[in-house]
Structures are given as structure tokens and as C-alpha cells.
Amino acid sequence: MRDIRNGPLFLRLGARMRGPKGVPVGTLKRVLISNVSSWGALPEQSAIIPASCHPVEDIKISDVYFIKSGGH
């Protein structure tokens, strides 16, 4: 990735609850991210964000290289 406007990685489990009543919050688990390179991204942070009371599980991030604008 080059010159992207946000953080290189953004994983979010939301509880928007737009489906029919009684549909549970989904899951975010068993995610593998590897061999990712990013240059010149704006200084936004990468993030992994769980929904309230719904944990994110089994995330593996390996072999990543991020250089932010300004050398961060």
C-alpha cells in the first residue's frame, strides 16, 4: 500500500443491530494477516476494535512493515 489516507489495518466488530430482532452480534475471529507493507500512510493508527462485550478472538498479524508520513 502506498500513500493511503487511513491506518493500514482496521478491523472492527460492530453491533449495528440492523437485522430482524433477535439476530445476535456477529463474530470476528480466526483472522490471519501476513506479508503486508505500507509506505507514506497518513499518521492514523491501525486498530483492532471489538464490540462492547463481544471479544475479538484469534488474530495473528505477522511480517508487517509500516512507514508513516513524516517517518513515524
C-alpha atoms as a PDB file:
ATOM      1  CA  MET A   1       0.000   0.000   0.000  1.00  0.00           C
ATOM      2  CA  ARG A   2       1.267   3.482  -0.807  1.00  0.00           C
ATOM      3  CA  ASP A   3       0.066   6.913   0.301  1.00  0.00           C
ATOM      4  CA  ILE A   4      -3.165   5.654   1.843  1.00  0.00           C
ATOM      5  CA  ARG A   5      -5.364   8.075   3.788  1.00  0.00           C
ATOM      6  CA  ASN A   6      -6.029   5.953   6.910  1.00  0.00           C
ATOM      7  CA  GLY A   7      -4.260   3.377   9.043  1.00  0.00           C
ATOM      8  CA  PRO A   8      -3.045   0.344   7.088  1.00  0.00           C
ATOM      9  CA  LEU A   9      -5.032  -2.133   9.220  1.00  0.00           C
ATOM     10  CA  PHE A  10      -8.503  -1.539  10.648  1.00  0.00           C
ATOM     11  CA  LEU A  11     -10.541  -4.471  11.973  1.00  0.00           C
ATOM     12  CA  ARG A  12     -13.825  -3.649  13.718  1.00  0.00           C
ATOM     13  CA  LEU A  13     -16.594  -5.791  15.112  1.00  0.00           C
ATOM     14  CA  GLY A  14     -19.675  -3.610  15.314  1.00  0.00           C
ATOM     15  CA  ALA A  15     -23.085  -4.147  16.860  1.00  0.00           C
ATOM     16  CA  ARG A  16     -25.196  -2.142  14.411  1.00  0.00           C
ATOM     17  CA  MET A  17     -28.237  -4.371  15.003  1.00  0.00           C
ATOM     18  CA  ARG A  18     -29.951  -3.520  11.722  1.00  0.00           C
ATOM     19  CA  GLY A  19     -31.287  -7.036  11.149  1.00  0.00           C
ATOM     20  CA  PRO A  20     -34.514  -8.542  12.444  1.00  0.00           C
ATOM     21  CA  LYS A  21     -34.994  -8.635  16.222  1.00  0.00           C
ATOM     22  CA  GLY A  22     -33.198 -11.492  17.935  1.00  0.00           C
ATOM     23  CA  VAL A  23     -30.270 -11.704  15.475  1.00  0.00           C
ATOM     24  CA  PRO A  24     -27.072 -11.867  17.568  1.00  0.00           C
ATOM     25  CA  VAL A  25     -23.947  -9.779  17.102  1.00  0.00           C
ATOM     26  CA  GLY A  26     -21.553 -11.454  14.661  1.00  0.00           C
ATOM     27  CA  THR A  27     -18.014 -12.610  15.409  1.00  0.00           C
ATOM     28  CA  LEU A  28     -14.535 -11.556  14.383  1.00  0.00           C
ATOM     29  CA  LYS A  29     -12.188 -14.491  14.863  1.00  0.00           C
ATOM     30  CA  ARG A  30      -9.569 -16.651  13.171  1.00  0.00           C
ATOM     31  CA  VAL A  31      -8.053 -13.824  11.099  1.00  0.00           C
ATOM     32  CA  LEU A  32      -4.560 -14.139   9.601  1.00  0.00           C
ATOM     33  CA  ILE A  33      -2.815 -11.080   8.158  1.00  0.00           C
ATOM     34  CA  SER A  34       0.721 -11.505   6.843  1.00  0.00           C
ATOM     35  CA  ASN A  35       3.223 -10.048   4.394  1.00  0.00           C
ATOM     36  CA  VAL A  36       1.783  -6.517   4.356  1.00  0.00           C
ATOM     37  CA  SER A  37       3.851  -3.425   3.536  1.00  0.00           C
ATOM     38  CA  SER A  38       2.723   0.190   3.694  1.00  0.00           C
ATOM     39  CA  TRP A  39       4.614   3.397   2.842  1.00  0.00           C
ATOM     40  CA  GLY A  40       3.541   7.003   3.215  1.00  0.00           C
ATOM     41  CA  ALA A  41       0.277   6.457   5.087  1.00  0.00           C
ATOM     42  CA  LEU A  42      -1.090   9.434   6.966  1.00  0.00           C
ATOM     43  CA  PRO A  43      -0.360   9.215  10.708  1.00  0.00           C
ATOM     44  CA  GLU A  44      -3.630   7.472  11.574  1.00  0.00           C
ATOM     45  CA  GLN A  45      -3.359   4.405  13.760  1.00  0.00           C
ATOM     46  CA  SER A  46      -4.101   0.860  12.781  1.00  0.00           C
ATOM     47  CA  ALA A  47      -6.699  -0.671  15.084  1.00  0.00           C
ATOM     48  CA  ILE A  48      -8.489  -3.827  16.165  1.00  0.00           C
ATOM     49  CA  ILE A  49     -11.774  -2.801  17.804  1.00  0.00           C
ATOM     50  CA  PRO A  50     -14.199  -5.248  19.461  1.00  0.00           C
ATOM     51  CA  ALA A  51     -17.882  -4.539  20.045  1.00  0.00           C
ATOM     52  CA  SER A  52     -18.893  -3.973  23.654  1.00  0.00           C
ATOM     53  CA  CYS A  53     -18.961  -7.343  25.492  1.00  0.00           C
ATOM     54  CA  HIS A  54     -18.107  -9.249  22.269  1.00  0.00           C
ATOM     55  CA  PRO A  55     -14.390 -10.077  22.138  1.00  0.00           C
ATOM     56  CA  VAL A  56     -12.262 -10.373  19.020  1.00  0.00           C
ATOM     57  CA  GLU A  57     -10.543 -13.772  19.017  1.00  0.00           C
ATOM     58  CA  ASP A  58      -7.505 -15.448  17.469  1.00  0.00           C
ATOM     59  CA  ILE A  59      -5.986 -12.631  15.383  1.00  0.00           C
ATOM     60  CA  LYS A  60      -2.476 -13.267  14.035  1.00  0.00           C
ATOM     61  CA  ILE A  61      -0.518 -10.441  12.409  1.00  0.00           C
ATOM     62  CA  SER A  62       2.964 -11.252  11.115  1.00  0.00           C
ATOM     63  CA  ASP A  63       5.587  -9.892   8.747  1.00  0.00           C
ATOM     64  CA  VAL A  64       4.165  -6.368   8.521  1.00  0.00           C
ATOM     65  CA  TYR A  65       6.174  -3.239   7.701  1.00  0.00           C
ATOM     66  CA  PHE A  66       4.542   0.200   8.083  1.00  0.00           C
ATOM     67  CA  ILE A  67       6.244   3.544   7.391  1.00  0.00           C
ATOM     68  CA  LYS A  68       4.011   6.543   8.103  1.00  0.00           C
ATOM     69  CA  SER A  69       4.274  10.013   6.546  1.00  0.00           C
ATOM     70  CA  GLY A  70       6.817  12.075   8.418  1.00  0.00           C
ATOM     71  CA  GLY A  71       8.803   8.980   9.444  1.00  0.00           C
ATOM     72  CA  HIS A  72       6.509   7.730  12.222  1.00  0.00           C
END
